Protein backbone atom coordinates (compact mmCIF):
# COMPACT_ATOMS: atom_id res chain seq x y z
CA MET A 1 -162.09 132.87 -84.85
CA SER A 2 -163.00 135.75 -82.58
CA THR A 3 -160.28 137.13 -80.33
CA ASP A 4 -162.86 137.96 -77.63
CA MET A 5 -162.99 134.79 -75.58
CA THR A 6 -165.98 135.97 -73.57
CA SER A 7 -168.07 135.78 -76.74
CA VAL A 8 -167.35 132.10 -77.34
CA ALA A 9 -169.69 129.72 -75.57
CA PRO A 10 -168.23 126.23 -74.98
CA THR A 11 -170.46 123.49 -76.33
CA SER A 12 -170.72 119.80 -75.53
CA PRO A 13 -168.68 117.69 -77.95
CA ASP A 14 -170.46 115.89 -80.73
CA LEU A 15 -170.38 112.14 -80.04
CA LYS A 16 -168.69 111.36 -83.37
CA VAL A 17 -166.04 114.05 -82.76
CA ALA A 18 -165.54 112.87 -79.18
CA LYS A 19 -164.63 109.39 -80.46
CA LYS A 20 -161.90 110.77 -82.69
CA GLN A 21 -158.45 111.29 -81.18
CA VAL A 22 -155.45 113.34 -82.26
CA LYS A 23 -151.92 113.34 -80.88
CA VAL A 24 -151.27 116.32 -78.60
CA TRP A 25 -148.62 115.33 -76.03
CA ASP A 26 -145.55 113.54 -77.35
CA PRO A 27 -143.77 110.77 -75.39
CA VAL A 28 -141.04 113.15 -74.18
CA VAL A 29 -143.57 115.51 -72.59
CA ARG A 30 -145.47 112.66 -70.97
CA MET A 31 -142.36 110.94 -69.60
CA ILE A 32 -141.05 114.20 -68.15
CA HIS A 33 -144.44 115.09 -66.70
CA TRP A 34 -144.86 111.86 -64.76
CA THR A 35 -141.21 111.78 -63.68
CA VAL A 36 -141.69 115.21 -62.12
CA VAL A 37 -145.04 114.22 -60.58
CA VAL A 38 -143.64 111.10 -58.91
CA GLY A 39 -140.38 112.75 -57.86
CA VAL A 40 -141.94 115.88 -56.37
CA PHE A 41 -144.62 113.86 -54.58
CA ALA A 42 -142.00 111.52 -53.12
CA ASN A 43 -139.72 114.34 -51.95
CA LEU A 44 -142.60 116.25 -50.37
CA THR A 45 -143.91 113.21 -48.51
CA ILE A 46 -142.14 109.93 -47.83
CA LEU A 47 -138.62 111.19 -48.69
CA ARG A 48 -138.84 114.64 -47.07
CA GLU A 49 -136.61 113.64 -44.14
CA SER A 50 -134.45 111.16 -46.07
CA SER A 51 -131.37 113.22 -46.86
CA ASP A 52 -129.46 111.10 -49.41
CA THR A 53 -132.45 109.70 -51.30
CA HIS A 54 -134.16 113.10 -51.18
CA GLN A 55 -131.14 114.66 -52.89
CA ILE A 56 -130.93 111.96 -55.57
CA VAL A 57 -134.61 112.25 -56.42
CA GLY A 58 -134.27 116.05 -56.41
CA TYR A 59 -131.52 115.86 -59.00
CA VAL A 60 -133.63 113.50 -61.13
CA VAL A 61 -136.51 116.00 -61.02
CA LEU A 62 -134.13 118.85 -61.86
CA GLY A 63 -132.78 116.86 -64.81
CA ALA A 64 -136.33 116.22 -66.04
CA VAL A 65 -137.20 119.91 -65.80
CA ALA A 66 -133.99 120.84 -67.63
CA CYS A 67 -134.95 118.42 -70.41
CA ARG A 68 -138.43 119.97 -70.56
CA ILE A 69 -136.95 123.44 -70.93
CA VAL A 70 -134.73 122.31 -73.80
CA TRP A 71 -137.57 120.34 -75.39
CA GLY A 72 -139.88 123.34 -75.04
CA LEU A 73 -137.47 125.39 -77.12
CA VAL A 74 -136.92 122.89 -79.94
CA ALA A 75 -139.92 120.54 -79.96
CA PRO A 76 -142.64 120.71 -82.61
CA GLY A 77 -146.33 121.20 -81.98
CA HIS A 78 -147.99 121.60 -78.62
CA ALA A 79 -144.83 120.87 -76.63
CA ARG A 80 -143.11 124.01 -77.91
CA PHE A 81 -143.20 126.92 -75.45
CA SER A 82 -143.97 129.44 -78.18
CA SER A 83 -147.26 127.66 -78.93
CA PHE A 84 -148.67 128.45 -75.49
CA ALA A 85 -146.58 131.29 -74.03
CA PRO A 86 -148.77 132.98 -71.36
CA THR A 87 -148.76 136.62 -72.45
CA PRO A 88 -150.60 139.08 -70.17
CA LYS A 89 -153.25 139.64 -72.86
CA LYS A 90 -153.93 135.92 -73.22
CA VAL A 91 -154.02 135.28 -69.46
CA LEU A 92 -156.25 138.25 -68.64
CA GLY A 93 -158.55 137.40 -71.54
CA TYR A 94 -158.84 133.79 -70.40
CA PHE A 95 -159.61 134.77 -66.79
CA ALA A 96 -162.24 137.22 -68.05
CA ALA A 97 -163.80 134.41 -70.06
CA MET A 98 -163.69 132.17 -66.97
CA ARG A 99 -165.54 134.77 -64.93
CA ALA A 100 -168.21 134.81 -67.63
CA ARG A 101 -168.17 130.98 -67.68
CA ARG A 102 -167.42 131.09 -71.39
CA GLU A 103 -163.77 130.06 -71.58
CA PRO A 104 -162.97 128.06 -74.75
CA ARG A 105 -161.46 124.62 -74.79
CA TYR A 106 -157.76 124.49 -75.72
CA LEU A 107 -156.23 121.52 -77.47
CA GLY A 108 -152.89 122.25 -75.78
CA HIS A 109 -152.27 124.27 -72.61
CA ASN A 110 -154.77 127.04 -71.95
CA PRO A 111 -153.33 130.39 -70.76
CA ALA A 112 -154.02 129.64 -67.08
CA GLY A 113 -152.46 126.19 -67.40
CA SER A 114 -149.39 127.55 -69.15
CA LEU A 115 -148.96 130.19 -66.45
CA MET A 116 -149.13 127.45 -63.82
CA MET A 117 -146.65 125.32 -65.76
CA PHE A 118 -144.03 128.05 -65.89
CA GLY A 119 -144.67 128.85 -62.24
CA LEU A 120 -144.05 125.22 -61.27
CA ILE A 121 -140.86 125.14 -63.35
CA PHE A 122 -139.63 128.25 -61.53
CA LEU A 123 -140.44 126.76 -58.12
CA ILE A 124 -138.70 123.49 -58.94
CA LEU A 125 -135.60 125.38 -60.10
CA LEU A 126 -135.65 127.45 -56.90
CA ILE A 127 -136.05 124.38 -54.71
CA SER A 128 -133.28 122.59 -56.60
CA ALA A 129 -130.89 125.55 -56.42
CA THR A 130 -131.37 126.08 -52.68
CA GLY A 131 -131.22 122.33 -52.04
CA TRP A 132 -127.91 122.14 -53.87
CA MET A 133 -126.63 125.17 -51.95
CA MET A 134 -127.51 123.47 -48.65
CA SER A 135 -125.18 120.61 -49.58
CA LEU A 136 -122.17 122.94 -49.95
CA ASP A 137 -119.82 123.85 -47.12
CA GLN A 138 -120.19 127.52 -48.06
CA PHE A 139 -123.94 127.51 -47.33
CA TRP A 140 -124.12 124.75 -44.72
CA GLY A 141 -126.41 125.93 -41.93
CA VAL A 142 -127.14 129.28 -43.59
CA LYS A 143 -130.63 130.13 -42.38
CA TRP A 144 -131.93 132.11 -45.33
CA VAL A 145 -131.07 129.31 -47.77
CA GLU A 146 -132.95 126.79 -45.64
CA GLU A 147 -135.90 129.16 -45.26
CA VAL A 148 -136.17 129.83 -49.00
CA HIS A 149 -135.96 126.08 -49.70
CA GLU A 150 -138.71 125.32 -47.18
CA MET A 151 -140.87 128.23 -48.33
CA ALA A 152 -140.64 127.20 -51.99
CA ALA A 153 -141.52 123.61 -51.04
CA ASN A 154 -144.61 124.81 -49.17
CA VAL A 155 -145.64 127.11 -52.01
CA ILE A 156 -145.35 124.30 -54.55
CA ILE A 157 -147.70 122.16 -52.45
CA GLY A 158 -150.35 124.86 -52.78
CA ALA A 159 -149.62 125.32 -56.47
CA ILE A 160 -149.97 121.59 -57.10
CA ALA A 161 -153.30 121.55 -55.26
CA VAL A 162 -154.56 124.40 -57.46
CA HIS A 163 -153.21 122.63 -60.55
CA VAL A 164 -155.03 119.39 -59.72
CA LEU A 165 -158.30 121.17 -58.93
CA ALA A 166 -158.03 123.15 -62.17
CA ALA A 167 -157.44 119.95 -64.16
CA VAL A 168 -160.57 118.43 -62.61
CA TYR A 169 -162.58 121.59 -63.33
CA VAL A 170 -161.48 121.80 -66.97
CA SER A 171 -162.05 118.05 -67.44
CA VAL A 172 -165.64 118.41 -66.26
CA LYS A 173 -166.19 121.72 -68.07
CA HIS A 174 -165.06 120.43 -71.46
CA HIS A 175 -166.04 116.77 -71.08
CA GLU A 176 -162.59 115.23 -71.38
CA ASN A 177 -160.16 113.52 -69.04
CA LEU A 178 -157.04 115.73 -68.93
CA PRO A 179 -154.97 113.41 -66.69
CA LEU A 180 -155.73 110.52 -69.06
CA SER A 181 -154.61 112.61 -72.04
CA MET A 182 -151.25 113.08 -70.34
CA ILE A 183 -150.97 109.27 -70.25
CA THR A 184 -152.17 108.46 -73.76
CA GLY A 185 -150.99 111.70 -75.35
CA ARG A 186 -154.27 111.97 -77.25
CA LYS A 187 -157.34 114.22 -77.09
CA ARG A 188 -160.38 114.77 -79.26
CA PRO A 189 -159.70 117.19 -82.12
CA ALA A 190 -160.51 120.88 -81.96
CA ALA A 191 -164.11 121.68 -82.82
CA GLU A 192 -165.86 124.97 -83.52
CA GLY A 193 -165.10 127.40 -80.71
CA ASP A 194 -162.01 125.46 -79.54
CA VAL A 195 -158.47 126.84 -79.70
CA ASP A 196 -155.70 124.74 -81.27
CA ASN A 197 -152.36 126.21 -80.09
CA ALA A 198 -150.46 124.25 -82.74
CA PRO A 199 -152.93 123.47 -85.55
CA ALA A 200 -150.41 121.77 -87.83
CA ALA A 201 -149.58 119.27 -85.07
CA GLY A 202 -153.24 118.84 -84.18
CA ARG A 203 -153.98 117.57 -87.69
CA ARG A 204 -151.39 114.76 -87.56
């Protein structure tokens, strides 16, 4: 496979290949993903001004993210961080391919998606840390803690919007429903020109 992503032209999936499915996202990844989605959405909207419930849901989200970090270090296949770590070379190469409208399909996270994932994890940890600090007597009413908490919450709203739009774009571009794959855990197998981040897992 060529390392120059701009030279790989994505093709429409063969109908027979499109009907096949392989396991990509394990149940742990999917459960954590949707727990974070529901919890973050709730705390940014209906629970934003509900102090006690907001804190409880925040801790649930933090616990889910902590589990994802641990799972990313020990899990097999596409869930493992090392299978999709967003190195500068990979990210810049992928964005160059996007500009040329020739980015390949990835069976797991593509470099842009992995960069977004780690960015969201960082923001959730920052929001959780400052939220916890706000509950302590030592930081009660401290302005900079409140400002960082609010700023991170606002930034994550924008990041989520970009993430959703990107998922829609990639779904249309590569003719597959990415949100559905995070429910079923399955995607069509890698074809010629696709990138399988964890090929051994993709063959199971």
